[in-house]
Amino acid sequence: MSNILITKEQYEFALARIEDLLSLVNNDTPVNDKNIVELTMVSDIVIAYETEHYPIEKPTVSELIVLALQEKGMTQKQLARYIGISPSRVNDYITGRSEPTLKIARRLCRELDISLATMLQI
């Protein structure tokens, strides 16, 4: 699909068509139903356009930590205590002044429920 050039107008039409099709299908609609087939194809067009024009970059280690702290309602000081490092070191990771070692990355992942693959940008 990535070799096909999609114009902005086609993209906008595809978005509108998806809205129309969503009202015609539900979880019980058979996978070979013409509306489901069309929805899949039109969705592929939207995905291809958005991948090309609105790529989503992987989050940084700093962003992962900040988001996880917010989700858990945890402070930097609490995180530091739980993983056995100083609060200033946690702040270094959050500000991007420093990257955690693999050992600390594992602790961060365990405490913040972040997958190690995500933390390591794999």
PDB file of N, CA and C in Angstrom:
ATOM      1  N   MET A   1       0.823  -1.199   0.000  1.00  0.00           N
ATOM      2  CA  MET A   1       0.000   0.000   0.000  1.00  0.00           C
ATOM      3  C   MET A   1       0.864   1.259   0.000  1.00  0.00           C
ATOM      4  N   SER A   2       2.081   1.190   0.541  1.00  0.00           N
ATOM      5  CA  SER A   2       2.914   2.381   0.666  1.00  0.00           C
ATOM      6  C   SER A   2       3.409   2.896  -0.674  1.00  0.00           C
ATOM      7  N   ASN A   3       3.358   2.099  -1.768  1.00  0.00           N
ATOM      8  CA  ASN A   3       3.791   2.541  -3.078  1.00  0.00           C
ATOM      9  C   ASN A   3       2.718   3.335  -3.804  1.00  0.00           C
ATOM     10  N   ILE A   4       1.509   3.338  -3.290  1.00  0.00           N
ATOM     11  CA  ILE A   4       0.398   4.051  -3.914  1.00  0.00           C
ATOM     12  C   ILE A   4       0.367   5.476  -3.382  1.00  0.00           C
ATOM     13  N   LEU A   5       0.313   6.442  -4.307  1.00  0.00           N
ATOM     14  CA  LEU A   5       0.219   7.837  -3.896  1.00  0.00           C
ATOM     15  C   LEU A   5      -1.231   8.178  -3.615  1.00  0.00           C
ATOM     16  N   ILE A   6      -1.461   8.723  -2.445  1.00  0.00           N
ATOM     17  CA  ILE A   6      -2.814   9.071  -2.022  1.00  0.00           C
ATOM     18  C   ILE A   6      -2.853  10.577  -1.805  1.00  0.00           C
ATOM     19  N   THR A   7      -3.801  11.235  -2.445  1.00  0.00           N
ATOM     20  CA  THR A   7      -3.913  12.682  -2.283  1.00  0.00           C
ATOM     21  C   THR A   7      -4.656  13.009  -0.995  1.00  0.00           C
ATOM     22  N   LYS A   8      -4.539  14.242  -0.589  1.00  0.00           N
ATOM     23  CA  LYS A   8      -5.256  14.687   0.600  1.00  0.00           C
ATOM     24  C   LYS A   8      -6.765  14.562   0.391  1.00  0.00           C
ATOM     25  N   GLU A   9      -7.224  14.849  -0.797  1.00  0.00           N
ATOM     26  CA  GLU A   9      -8.651  14.750  -1.098  1.00  0.00           C
ATOM     27  C   GLU A   9      -9.126  13.298  -0.980  1.00  0.00           C
ATOM     28  N   GLN A  10      -8.335  12.366  -1.488  1.00  0.00           N
ATOM     29  CA  GLN A  10      -8.690  10.955  -1.373  1.00  0.00           C
ATOM     30  C   GLN A  10      -8.705  10.523   0.087  1.00  0.00           C
ATOM     31  N   TYR A  11      -7.733  11.010   0.834  1.00  0.00           N
ATOM     32  CA  TYR A  11      -7.664  10.714   2.267  1.00  0.00           C
ATOM     33  C   TYR A  11      -8.925  11.217   2.977  1.00  0.00           C
ATOM     34  N   GLU A  12      -9.303  12.455   2.709  1.00  0.00           N
ATOM     35  CA  GLU A  12     -10.490  13.025   3.348  1.00  0.00           C
ATOM     36  C   GLU A  12     -11.758  12.279   2.931  1.00  0.00           C
ATOM     37  N   PHE A  13     -11.844  11.881   1.664  1.00  0.00           N
ATOM     38  CA  PHE A  13     -12.977  11.086   1.212  1.00  0.00           C
ATOM     39  C   PHE A  13     -13.006   9.746   1.950  1.00  0.00           C
ATOM     40  N   ALA A  14     -11.844   9.128   2.083  1.00  0.00           N
ATOM     41  CA  ALA A  14     -11.754   7.833   2.768  1.00  0.00           C
ATOM     42  C   ALA A  14     -12.201   7.962   4.231  1.00  0.00           C
ATOM     43  N   LEU A  15     -11.807   9.036   4.893  1.00  0.00           N
ATOM     44  CA  LEU A  15     -12.245   9.248   6.281  1.00  0.00           C
ATOM     45  C   LEU A  15     -13.759   9.343   6.367  1.00  0.00           C
ATOM     46  N   ALA A  16     -14.346  10.110   5.453  1.00  0.00           N
ATOM     47  CA  ALA A  16     -15.808  10.258   5.452  1.00  0.00           C
ATOM     48  C   ALA A  16     -16.479   8.922   5.141  1.00  0.00           C
ATOM     49  N   ARG A  17     -15.894   8.169   4.224  1.00  0.00           N
ATOM     50  CA  ARG A  17     -16.483   6.871   3.857  1.00  0.00           C
ATOM     51  C   ARG A  17     -16.420   5.902   5.029  1.00  0.00           C
ATOM     52  N   ILE A  18     -15.342   5.958   5.795  1.00  0.00           N
ATOM     53  CA  ILE A  18     -15.231   5.103   6.986  1.00  0.00           C
ATOM     54  C   ILE A  18     -16.374   5.400   7.944  1.00  0.00           C
ATOM     55  N   GLU A  19     -16.672   6.661   8.149  1.00  0.00           N
ATOM     56  CA  GLU A  19     -17.780   7.037   9.033  1.00  0.00           C
ATOM     57  C   GLU A  19     -19.093   6.438   8.534  1.00  0.00           C
ATOM     58  N   ASP A  20     -19.313   6.519   7.230  1.00  0.00           N
ATOM     59  CA  ASP A  20     -20.536   5.930   6.646  1.00  0.00           C
ATOM     60  C   ASP A  20     -20.574   4.423   6.875  1.00  0.00           C
ATOM     61  N   LEU A  21     -19.469   3.768   6.593  1.00  0.00           N
ATOM     62  CA  LEU A  21     -19.418   2.307   6.699  1.00  0.00           C
ATOM     63  C   LEU A  21     -19.556   1.818   8.140  1.00  0.00           C
ATOM     64  N   LEU A  22     -19.014   2.573   9.086  1.00  0.00           N
ATOM     65  CA  LEU A  22     -19.097   2.157  10.490  1.00  0.00           C
ATOM     66  C   LEU A  22     -20.544   2.058  10.967  1.00  0.00           C
ATOM     67  N   SER A  23     -21.407   2.867  10.372  1.00  0.00           N
ATOM     68  CA  SER A  23     -22.818   2.790  10.771  1.00  0.00           C
ATOM     69  C   SER A  23     -23.525   1.576  10.157  1.00  0.00           C
ATOM     70  N   LEU A  24     -22.887   0.924   9.207  1.00  0.00           N
ATOM     71  CA  LEU A  24     -23.491  -0.212   8.520  1.00  0.00           C
ATOM     72  C   LEU A  24     -23.003  -1.572   9.021  1.00  0.00           C
ATOM     73  N   VAL A  25     -21.994  -1.562   9.876  1.00  0.00           N
ATOM     74  CA  VAL A  25     -21.423  -2.826  10.355  1.00  0.00           C
ATOM     75  C   VAL A  25     -21.364  -2.835  11.877  1.00  0.00           C
ATOM     76  N   ASN A  26     -21.258  -4.039  12.430  1.00  0.00           N
ATOM     77  CA  ASN A  26     -21.051  -4.196  13.872  1.00  0.00           C
ATOM     78  C   ASN A  26     -20.229  -5.456  14.092  1.00  0.00           C
ATOM     79  N   ASN A  27     -20.044  -5.846  15.329  1.00  0.00           N
ATOM     80  CA  ASN A  27     -19.212  -7.007  15.641  1.00  0.00           C
ATOM     81  C   ASN A  27     -19.773  -8.315  15.095  1.00  0.00           C
ATOM     82  N   ASP A  28     -21.054  -8.330  14.776  1.00  0.00           N
ATOM     83  CA  ASP A  28     -21.680  -9.553  14.265  1.00  0.00           C
ATOM     84  C   ASP A  28     -21.693  -9.632  12.734  1.00  0.00           C
ATOM     85  N   THR A  29     -21.222  -8.589  12.072  1.00  0.00           N
ATOM     86  CA  THR A  29     -21.208  -8.578  10.610  1.00  0.00           C
ATOM     87  C   THR A  29     -20.168  -9.583  10.113  1.00  0.00           C
ATOM     88  N   PRO A  30     -20.550 -10.456   9.188  1.00  0.00           N
ATOM     89  CA  PRO A  30     -19.591 -11.449   8.662  1.00  0.00           C
ATOM     90  C   PRO A  30     -18.394 -10.775   7.987  1.00  0.00           C
ATOM     91  N   VAL A  31     -17.240 -11.398   8.094  1.00  0.00           N
ATOM     92  CA  VAL A  31     -16.016 -10.811   7.530  1.00  0.00           C
ATOM     93  C   VAL A  31     -16.047 -10.713   6.011  1.00  0.00           C
ATOM     94  N   ASN A  32     -16.916 -11.481   5.357  1.00  0.00           N
ATOM     95  CA  ASN A  32     -16.998 -11.406   3.895  1.00  0.00           C
ATOM     96  C   ASN A  32     -18.120 -10.473   3.422  1.00  0.00           C
ATOM     97  N   ASP A  33     -18.751  -9.753   4.339  1.00  0.00           N
ATOM     98  CA  ASP A  33     -19.774  -8.772   3.990  1.00  0.00           C
ATOM     99  C   ASP A  33     -19.119  -7.653   3.173  1.00  0.00           C
ATOM    100  N   LYS A  34     -19.811  -7.186   2.120  1.00  0.00           N
ATOM    101  CA  LYS A  34     -19.220  -6.174   1.235  1.00  0.00           C
ATOM    102  C   LYS A  34     -18.847  -4.893   1.982  1.00  0.00           C
ATOM    103  N   ASN A  35     -19.607  -4.514   3.013  1.00  0.00           N
ATOM    104  CA  ASN A  35     -19.289  -3.306   3.770  1.00  0.00           C
ATOM    105  C   ASN A  35     -18.022  -3.484   4.621  1.00  0.00           C
ATOM    106  N   ILE A  36     -17.847  -4.672   5.171  1.00  0.00           N
ATOM    107  CA  ILE A  36     -16.631  -4.950   5.952  1.00  0.00           C
ATOM    108  C   ILE A  36     -15.417  -4.960   5.034  1.00  0.00           C
ATOM    109  N   VAL A  37     -15.562  -5.572   3.880  1.00  0.00           N
ATOM    110  CA  VAL A  37     -14.456  -5.617   2.919  1.00  0.00           C
ATOM    111  C   VAL A  37     -14.078  -4.197   2.499  1.00  0.00           C
ATOM    112  N   GLU A  38     -15.087  -3.388   2.172  1.00  0.00           N
ATOM    113  CA  GLU A  38     -14.802  -2.007   1.779  1.00  0.00           C
ATOM    114  C   GLU A  38     -14.187  -1.226   2.938  1.00  0.00           C
ATOM    115  N   LEU A  39     -14.708  -1.422   4.138  1.00  0.00           N
ATOM    116  CA  LEU A  39     -14.167  -0.732   5.314  1.00  0.00           C
ATOM    117  C   LEU A  39     -12.690  -1.066   5.501  1.00  0.00           C
ATOM    118  N   THR A  40     -12.353  -2.314   5.323  1.00  0.00           N
ATOM    119  CA  THR A  40     -10.949  -2.733   5.455  1.00  0.00           C
ATOM    120  C   THR A  40     -10.081  -2.050   4.405  1.00  0.00           C
ATOM    121  N   MET A  41     -10.542  -2.014   3.191  1.00  0.00           N
ATOM    122  CA  MET A  41      -9.766  -1.409   2.113  1.00  0.00           C
ATOM    123  C   MET A  41      -9.613   0.100   2.298  1.00  0.00           C
ATOM    124  N   VAL A  42     -10.683   0.753   2.667  1.00  0.00           N
ATOM    125  CA  VAL A  42     -10.637   2.202   2.869  1.00  0.00           C
ATOM    126  C   VAL A  42      -9.767   2.529   4.090  1.00  0.00           C
ATOM    127  N   SER A  43      -9.839   1.699   5.101  1.00  0.00           N
ATOM    128  CA  SER A  43      -8.993   1.894   6.283  1.00  0.00           C
ATOM    129  C   SER A  43      -7.521   1.780   5.917  1.00  0.00           C
ATOM    130  N   ASP A  44      -7.195   0.861   5.018  1.00  0.00           N
ATOM    131  CA  ASP A  44      -5.809   0.725   4.563  1.00  0.00           C
ATOM    132  C   ASP A  44      -5.314   1.996   3.878  1.00  0.00           C
ATOM    133  N   ILE A  45      -6.202   2.645   3.122  1.00  0.00           N
ATOM    134  CA  ILE A  45      -5.854   3.909   2.468  1.00  0.00           C
ATOM    135  C   ILE A  45      -5.547   4.977   3.515  1.00  0.00           C
ATOM    136  N   VAL A  46      -6.399   5.064   4.531  1.00  0.00           N
ATOM    137  CA  VAL A  46      -6.202   6.047   5.597  1.00  0.00           C
ATOM    138  C   VAL A  46      -4.891   5.767   6.344  1.00  0.00           C
ATOM    139  N   ILE A  47      -4.644   4.522   6.657  1.00  0.00           N
ATOM    140  CA  ILE A  47      -3.413   4.151   7.371  1.00  0.00           C
ATOM    141  C   ILE A  47      -2.184   4.515   6.545  1.00  0.00           C
ATOM    142  N   ALA A  48      -2.220   4.219   5.253  1.00  0.00           N
ATOM    143  CA  ALA A  48      -1.079   4.528   4.384  1.00  0.00           C
ATOM    144  C   ALA A  48      -0.825   6.034   4.339  1.00  0.00           C
ATOM    145  N   TYR A  49      -1.885   6.816   4.206  1.00  0.00           N
ATOM    146  CA  TYR A  49      -1.735   8.271   4.158  1.00  0.00           C
ATOM    147  C   TYR A  49      -1.196   8.807   5.476  1.00  0.00           C
ATOM    148  N   GLU A  50      -1.766   8.356   6.576  1.00  0.00           N
ATOM    149  CA  GLU A  50      -1.340   8.851   7.887  1.00  0.00           C
ATOM    150  C   GLU A  50       0.081   8.422   8.218  1.00  0.00           C
ATOM    151  N   THR A  51       0.465   7.232   7.804  1.00  0.00           N
ATOM    152  CA  THR A  51       1.838   6.778   8.036  1.00  0.00           C
ATOM    153  C   THR A  51       2.825   7.675   7.300  1.00  0.00           C
ATOM    154  N   GLU A  52       2.443   8.073   6.097  1.00  0.00           N
ATOM    155  CA  GLU A  52       3.304   8.936   5.285  1.00  0.00           C
ATOM    156  C   GLU A  52       3.331  10.379   5.796  1.00  0.00           C
ATOM    157  N   HIS A  53       2.167  10.907   6.135  1.00  0.00           N
ATOM    158  CA  HIS A  53       2.061  12.341   6.442  1.00  0.00           C
ATOM    159  C   HIS A  53       2.007  12.693   7.923  1.00  0.00           C
ATOM    160  N   TYR A  54       1.660  11.738   8.770  1.00  0.00           N
ATOM    161  CA  TYR A  54       1.558  11.995  10.200  1.00  0.00           C
ATOM    162  C   TYR A  54       2.255  10.883  10.989  1.00  0.00           C
ATOM    163  N   PRO A  55       3.535  10.671  10.731  1.00  0.00           N
ATOM    164  CA  PRO A  55       4.209   9.570  11.444  1.00  0.00           C
ATOM    165  C   PRO A  55       4.265   9.843  12.948  1.00  0.00           C
ATOM    166  N   ILE A  56       4.140   8.775  13.696  1.00  0.00           N
ATOM    167  CA  ILE A  56       4.218   8.883  15.146  1.00  0.00           C
ATOM    168  C   ILE A  56       5.591   8.380  15.568  1.00  0.00           C
ATOM    169  N   GLU A  57       6.352   9.259  16.173  1.00  0.00           N
ATOM    170  CA  GLU A  57       7.686   8.874  16.615  1.00  0.00           C
ATOM    171  C   GLU A  57       7.596   8.110  17.923  1.00  0.00           C
ATOM    172  N   LYS A  58       8.590   7.270  18.126  1.00  0.00           N
ATOM    173  CA  LYS A  58       8.641   6.525  19.376  1.00  0.00           C
ATOM    174  C   LYS A  58       8.905   7.500  20.520  1.00  0.00           C
ATOM    175  N   PRO A  59       8.277   7.261  21.669  1.00  0.00           N
ATOM    176  CA  PRO A  59       8.509   8.161  22.806  1.00  0.00           C
ATOM    177  C   PRO A  59       9.932   8.003  23.332  1.00  0.00           C
ATOM    178  N   THR A  60      10.445   9.071  23.900  1.00  0.00           N
ATOM    179  CA  THR A  60      11.768   9.021  24.516  1.00  0.00           C
ATOM    180  C   THR A  60      11.663   8.354  25.882  1.00  0.00           C
ATOM    181  N   VAL A  61      12.802   7.978  26.433  1.00  0.00           N
ATOM    182  CA  VAL A  61      12.829   7.401  27.782  1.00  0.00           C
ATOM    183  C   VAL A  61      12.211   8.392  28.752  1.00  0.00           C
ATOM    184  N   SER A  62      12.554   9.646  28.602  1.00  0.00           N
ATOM    185  CA  SER A  62      12.015  10.699  29.459  1.00  0.00           C
ATOM    186  C   SER A  62      10.489  10.734  29.389  1.00  0.00           C
ATOM    187  N   GLU A  63       9.942  10.719  28.188  1.00  0.00           N
ATOM    188  CA  GLU A  63       8.489  10.761  28.019  1.00  0.00           C
ATOM    189  C   GLU A  63       7.820   9.524  28.615  1.00  0.00           C
ATOM    190  N   LEU A  64       8.453   8.362  28.454  1.00  0.00           N
ATOM    191  CA  LEU A  64       7.907   7.130  29.037  1.00  0.00           C
ATOM    192  C   LEU A  64       7.823   7.238  30.554  1.00  0.00           C
ATOM    193  N   ILE A  65       8.883   7.739  31.170  1.00  0.00           N
ATOM    194  CA  ILE A  65       8.913   7.852  32.628  1.00  0.00           C
ATOM    195  C   ILE A  65       7.868   8.850  33.107  1.00  0.00           C
ATOM    196  N   VAL A  66       7.819  10.017  32.470  1.00  0.00           N
ATOM    197  CA  VAL A  66       6.863  11.055  32.880  1.00  0.00           C
ATOM    198  C   VAL A  66       5.429  10.543  32.759  1.00  0.00           C
ATOM    199  N   LEU A  67       5.102   9.916  31.648  1.00  0.00           N
ATOM    200  CA  LEU A  67       3.756   9.403  31.450  1.00  0.00           C
ATOM    201  C   LEU A  67       3.415   8.337  32.487  1.00  0.00           C
ATOM    202  N   ALA A  68       4.338   7.424  32.734  1.00  0.00           N
ATOM    203  CA  ALA A  68       4.090   6.357  33.711  1.00  0.00           C
ATOM    204  C   ALA A  68       3.925   6.934  35.118  1.00  0.00           C
ATOM    205  N   LEU A  69       4.713   7.929  35.468  1.00  0.00           N
ATOM    206  CA  LEU A  69       4.564   8.566  36.786  1.00  0.00           C
ATOM    207  C   LEU A  69       3.178   9.200  36.913  1.00  0.00           C
ATOM    208  N   GLN A  70       2.740   9.876  35.868  1.00  0.00           N
ATOM    209  CA  GLN A  70       1.412  10.497  35.889  1.00  0.00           C
ATOM    210  C   GLN A  70       0.324   9.445  36.026  1.00  0.00           C
ATOM    211  N   GLU A  71       0.435   8.366  35.245  1.00  0.00           N
ATOM    212  CA  GLU A  71      -0.582   7.314  35.283  1.00  0.00           C
ATOM    213  C   GLU A  71      -0.662   6.649  36.651  1.00  0.00           C
ATOM    214  N   LYS A  72       0.473   6.520  37.314  1.00  0.00           N
ATOM    215  CA  LYS A  72       0.506   5.859  38.614  1.00  0.00           C
ATOM    216  C   LYS A  72       0.301   6.839  39.769  1.00  0.00           C
ATOM    217  N   GLY A  73       0.283   8.139  39.470  1.00  0.00           N
ATOM    218  CA  GLY A  73       0.154   9.128  40.535  1.00  0.00           C
ATOM    219  C   GLY A  73       1.354   9.091  41.471  1.00  0.00           C
ATOM    220  N   MET A  74       2.511   8.859  40.917  1.00  0.00           N
ATOM    221  CA  MET A  74       3.732   8.687  41.700  1.00  0.00           C
ATOM    222  C   MET A  74       4.655   9.897  41.496  1.00  0.00           C
ATOM    223  N   THR A  75       5.397  10.249  42.514  1.00  0.00           N
ATOM    224  CA  THR A  75       6.358  11.343  42.402  1.00  0.00           C
ATOM    225  C   THR A  75       7.727  10.790  42.006  1.00  0.00           C
ATOM    226  N   GLN A  76       8.570  11.693  41.563  1.00  0.00           N
ATOM    227  CA  GLN A  76       9.950  11.306  41.242  1.00  0.00           C
ATOM    228  C   GLN A  76      10.657  10.768  42.491  1.00  0.00           C
ATOM    229  N   LYS A  77      10.368  11.381  43.595  1.00  0.00           N
ATOM    230  CA  LYS A  77      10.991  10.976  44.862  1.00  0.00           C
ATOM    231  C   LYS A  77      10.573   9.541  45.236  1.00  0.00           C
ATOM    232  N   GLN A  78       9.290   9.239  45.071  1.00  0.00           N
ATOM    233  CA  GLN A  78       8.817   7.878  45.357  1.00  0.00           C
ATOM    234  C   GLN A  78       9.470   6.871  44.419  1.00  0.00           C
ATOM    235  N   LEU A  79       9.526   7.205  43.145  1.00  0.00           N
ATOM    236  CA  LEU A  79      10.150   6.313  42.175  1.00  0.00           C
ATOM    237  C   LEU A  79      11.606   6.054  42.548  1.00  0.00           C
ATOM    238  N   ALA A  80      12.307   7.109  42.897  1.00  0.00           N
ATOM    239  CA  ALA A  80      13.718   6.965  43.273  1.00  0.00           C
ATOM    240  C   ALA A  80      13.864   5.997  44.439  1.00  0.00           C
ATOM    241  N   ARG A  81      13.025   6.139  45.432  1.00  0.00           N
ATOM    242  CA  ARG A  81      13.086   5.270  46.602  1.00  0.00           C
ATOM    243  C   ARG A  81      12.795   3.813  46.217  1.00  0.00           C
ATOM    244  N   TYR A  82      11.777   3.602  45.369  1.00  0.00           N
ATOM    245  CA  TYR A  82      11.393   2.243  44.977  1.00  0.00           C
ATOM    246  C   TYR A  82      12.472   1.529  44.174  1.00  0.00           C
ATOM    247  N   ILE A  83      13.217   2.278  43.352  1.00  0.00           N
ATOM    248  CA  ILE A  83      14.222   1.613  42.512  1.00  0.00           C
ATOM    249  C   ILE A  83      15.650   1.778  43.042  1.00  0.00           C
ATOM    250  N   GLY A  84      15.770   2.458  44.163  1.00  0.00           N
ATOM    251  CA  GLY A  84      17.069   2.526  44.835  1.00  0.00           C
ATOM    252  C   GLY A  84      18.089   3.473  44.225  1.00  0.00           C
ATOM    253  N   ILE A  85      17.611   4.625  43.738  1.00  0.00           N
ATOM    254  CA  ILE A  85      18.533   5.644  43.238  1.00  0.00           C
ATOM    255  C   ILE A  85      18.129   6.991  43.826  1.00  0.00           C
ATOM    256  N   SER A  86      18.943   8.001  43.590  1.00  0.00           N
ATOM    257  CA  SER A  86      18.633   9.316  44.149  1.00  0.00           C
ATOM    258  C   SER A  86      17.560  10.021  43.319  1.00  0.00           C
ATOM    259  N   PRO A  87      16.774  10.893  43.974  1.00  0.00           N
ATOM    260  CA  PRO A  87      15.776  11.666  43.231  1.00  0.00           C
ATOM    261  C   PRO A  87      16.404  12.528  42.124  1.00  0.00           C
ATOM    262  N   SER A  88      17.614  13.013  42.360  1.00  0.00           N
ATOM    263  CA  SER A  88      18.265  13.828  41.327  1.00  0.00           C
ATOM    264  C   SER A  88      18.603  12.986  40.097  1.00  0.00           C
ATOM    265  N   ARG A  89      18.895  11.710  40.306  1.00  0.00           N
ATOM    266  CA  ARG A  89      19.181  10.821  39.180  1.00  0.00           C
ATOM    267  C   ARG A  89      17.907  10.588  38.362  1.00  0.00           C
ATOM    268  N   VAL A  90      16.765  10.406  39.038  1.00  0.00           N
ATOM    269  CA  VAL A  90      15.488  10.268  38.324  1.00  0.00           C
ATOM    270  C   VAL A  90      15.240  11.532  37.507  1.00  0.00           C
ATOM    271  N   ASN A  91      15.508  12.673  38.107  1.00  0.00           N
ATOM    272  CA  ASN A  91      15.326  13.938  37.403  1.00  0.00           C
ATOM    273  C   ASN A  91      16.242  14.026  36.186  1.00  0.00           C
ATOM    274  N   ASP A  92      17.448  13.496  36.287  1.00  0.00           N
ATOM    275  CA  ASP A  92      18.357  13.466  35.134  1.00  0.00           C
ATOM    276  C   ASP A  92      17.750  12.680  33.977  1.00  0.00           C
ATOM    277  N   TYR A  93      17.091  11.574  34.290  1.00  0.00           N
ATOM    278  CA  TYR A  93      16.457  10.769  33.246  1.00  0.00           C
ATOM    279  C   TYR A  93      15.291  11.527  32.622  1.00  0.00           C
ATOM    280  N   ILE A  94      14.524  12.211  33.460  1.00  0.00           N
ATOM    281  CA  ILE A  94      13.338  12.936  32.982  1.00  0.00           C
ATOM    282  C   ILE A  94      13.724  14.151  32.139  1.00  0.00           C
ATOM    283  N   THR A  95      14.783  14.816  32.499  1.00  0.00           N
ATOM    284  CA  THR A  95      15.202  16.000  31.737  1.00  0.00           C
ATOM    285  C   THR A  95      16.060  15.634  30.532  1.00  0.00           C
ATOM    286  N   GLY A  96      16.447  14.368  30.433  1.00  0.00           N
ATOM    287  CA  GLY A  96      17.258  13.932  29.301  1.00  0.00           C
ATOM    288  C   GLY A  96      18.742  14.172  29.473  1.00  0.00           C
ATOM    289  N   ARG A  97      19.157  14.578  30.668  1.00  0.00           N
ATOM    290  CA  ARG A  97      20.585  14.789  30.917  1.00  0.00           C
ATOM    291  C   ARG A  97      21.352  13.481  30.974  1.00  0.00           C
ATOM    292  N   SER A  98      20.632  12.398  31.236  1.00  0.00           N
ATOM    293  CA  SER A  98      21.278  11.102  31.393  1.00  0.00           C
ATOM    294  C   SER A  98      20.317  10.009  30.970  1.00  0.00           C
ATOM    295  N   GLU A  99      20.859   8.891  30.534  1.00  0.00           N
ATOM    296  CA  GLU A  99      20.074   7.708  30.190  1.00  0.00           C
ATOM    297  C   GLU A  99      20.315   6.650  31.257  1.00  0.00           C
ATOM    298  N   PRO A 100      19.295   5.898  31.627  1.00  0.00           N
ATOM    299  CA  PRO A 100      19.496   4.865  32.648  1.00  0.00           C
ATOM    300  C   PRO A 100      20.353   3.711  32.117  1.00  0.00           C
ATOM    301  N   THR A 101      21.093   3.102  33.021  1.00  0.00           N
ATOM    302  CA  THR A 101      21.826   1.889  32.666  1.00  0.00           C
ATOM    303  C   THR A 101      20.806   0.780  32.432  1.00  0.00           C
ATOM    304  N   LEU A 102      21.249  -0.322  31.873  1.00  0.00           N
ATOM    305  CA  LEU A 102      20.342  -1.440  31.635  1.00  0.00           C
ATOM    306  C   LEU A 102      19.742  -1.938  32.947  1.00  0.00           C
ATOM    307  N   LYS A 103      20.556  -1.986  33.990  1.00  0.00           N
ATOM    308  CA  LYS A 103      20.090  -2.435  35.309  1.00  0.00           C
ATOM    309  C   LYS A 103      18.978  -1.517  35.829  1.00  0.00           C
ATOM    310  N   ILE A 104      19.193  -0.220  35.724  1.00  0.00           N
ATOM    311  CA  ILE A 104      18.200   0.748  36.191  1.00  0.00           C
ATOM    312  C   ILE A 104      16.984   0.747  35.259  1.00  0.00           C
ATOM    313  N   ALA A 105      17.208   0.579  33.960  1.00  0.00           N
ATOM    314  CA  ALA A 105      16.088   0.515  33.018  1.00  0.00           C
ATOM    315  C   ALA A 105      15.162  -0.644  33.381  1.00  0.00           C
ATOM    316  N   ARG A 106      15.735  -1.779  33.762  1.00  0.00           N
ATOM    317  CA  ARG A 106      14.911  -2.923  34.183  1.00  0.00           C
ATOM    318  C   ARG A 106      14.081  -2.576  35.409  1.00  0.00           C
ATOM    319  N   ARG A 107      14.711  -1.899  36.371  1.00  0.00           N
ATOM    320  CA  ARG A 107      13.978  -1.512  37.583  1.00  0.00           C
ATOM    321  C   ARG A 107      12.860  -0.525  37.248  1.00  0.00           C
ATOM    322  N   LEU A 108      13.172   0.436  36.387  1.00  0.00           N
ATOM    323  CA  LEU A 108      12.156   1.409  35.977  1.00  0.00           C
ATOM    324  C   LEU A 108      10.982   0.697  35.311  1.00  0.00           C
ATOM    325  N   CYS A 109      11.297  -0.211  34.418  1.00  0.00           N
ATOM    326  CA  CYS A 109      10.248  -0.946  33.708  1.00  0.00           C
ATOM    327  C   CYS A 109       9.382  -1.737  34.674  1.00  0.00           C
ATOM    328  N   ARG A 110      10.019  -2.401  35.607  1.00  0.00           N
ATOM    329  CA  ARG A 110       9.285  -3.213  36.577  1.00  0.00           C
ATOM    330  C   ARG A 110       8.376  -2.335  37.433  1.00  0.00           C
ATOM    331  N   GLU A 111       8.911  -1.236  37.926  1.00  0.00           N
ATOM    332  CA  GLU A 111       8.152  -0.376  38.826  1.00  0.00           C
ATOM    333  C   GLU A 111       7.057   0.401  38.100  1.00  0.00           C
ATOM    334  N   LEU A 112       7.323   0.798  36.848  1.00  0.00           N
ATOM    335  CA  LEU A 112       6.385   1.653  36.118  1.00  0.00           C
ATOM    336  C   LEU A 112       5.514   0.888  35.120  1.00  0.00           C
ATOM    337  N   ASP A 113       5.654  -0.418  35.078  1.00  0.00           N
ATOM    338  CA  ASP A 113       4.899  -1.262  34.136  1.00  0.00           C
ATOM    339  C   ASP A 113       5.110  -0.833  32.688  1.00  0.00           C
ATOM    340  N   ILE A 114       6.369  -0.666  32.319  1.00  0.00           N
ATOM    341  CA  ILE A 114       6.758  -0.347  30.956  1.00  0.00           C
ATOM    342  C   ILE A 114       7.495  -1.559  30.424  1.00  0.00           C
ATOM    343  N   SER A 115       7.217  -1.969  29.183  1.00  0.00           N
ATOM    344  CA  SER A 115       7.950  -3.106  28.645  1.00  0.00           C
ATOM    345  C   SER A 115       9.401  -2.695  28.381  1.00  0.00           C
ATOM    346  N   LEU A 116      10.308  -3.626  28.618  1.00  0.00           N
ATOM    347  CA  LEU A 116      11.727  -3.344  28.410  1.00  0.00           C
ATOM    348  C   LEU A 116      11.988  -3.017  26.949  1.00  0.00           C
ATOM    349  N   ALA A 117      11.305  -3.698  26.036  1.00  0.00           N
ATOM    350  CA  ALA A 117      11.475  -3.423  24.598  1.00  0.00           C
ATOM    351  C   ALA A 117      11.114  -1.971  24.280  1.00  0.00           C
ATOM    352  N   THR A 118      10.050  -1.479  24.893  1.00  0.00           N
ATOM    353  CA  THR A 118       9.649  -0.091  24.672  1.00  0.00           C
ATOM    354  C   THR A 118      10.700   0.861  25.235  1.00  0.00           C
ATOM    355  N   MET A 119      11.165   0.570  26.435  1.00  0.00           N
ATOM    356  CA  MET A 119      12.170   1.417  27.070  1.00  0.00           C
ATOM    357  C   MET A 119      13.453   1.465  26.235  1.00  0.00           C
ATOM    358  N   LEU A 120      13.824   0.331  25.656  1.00  0.00           N
ATOM    359  CA  LEU A 120      15.068   0.244  24.880  1.00  0.00           C
ATOM    360  C   LEU A 120      14.870   0.635  23.415  1.00  0.00           C
ATOM    361  N   GLN A 121      13.640   1.027  23.066  1.00  0.00           N
ATOM    362  CA  GLN A 121      13.309   1.478  21.716  1.00  0.00           C
ATOM    363  C   GLN A 121      13.528   0.397  20.664  1.00  0.00           C
ATOM    364  N   ILE A 122      13.187  -0.825  21.010  1.00  0.00           N
ATOM    365  CA  ILE A 122      13.357  -1.957  20.081  1.00  0.00           C
ATOM    366  C   ILE A 122      12.164  -2.025  19.167  1.00  0.00           C
TER     367      ILE A 122
END
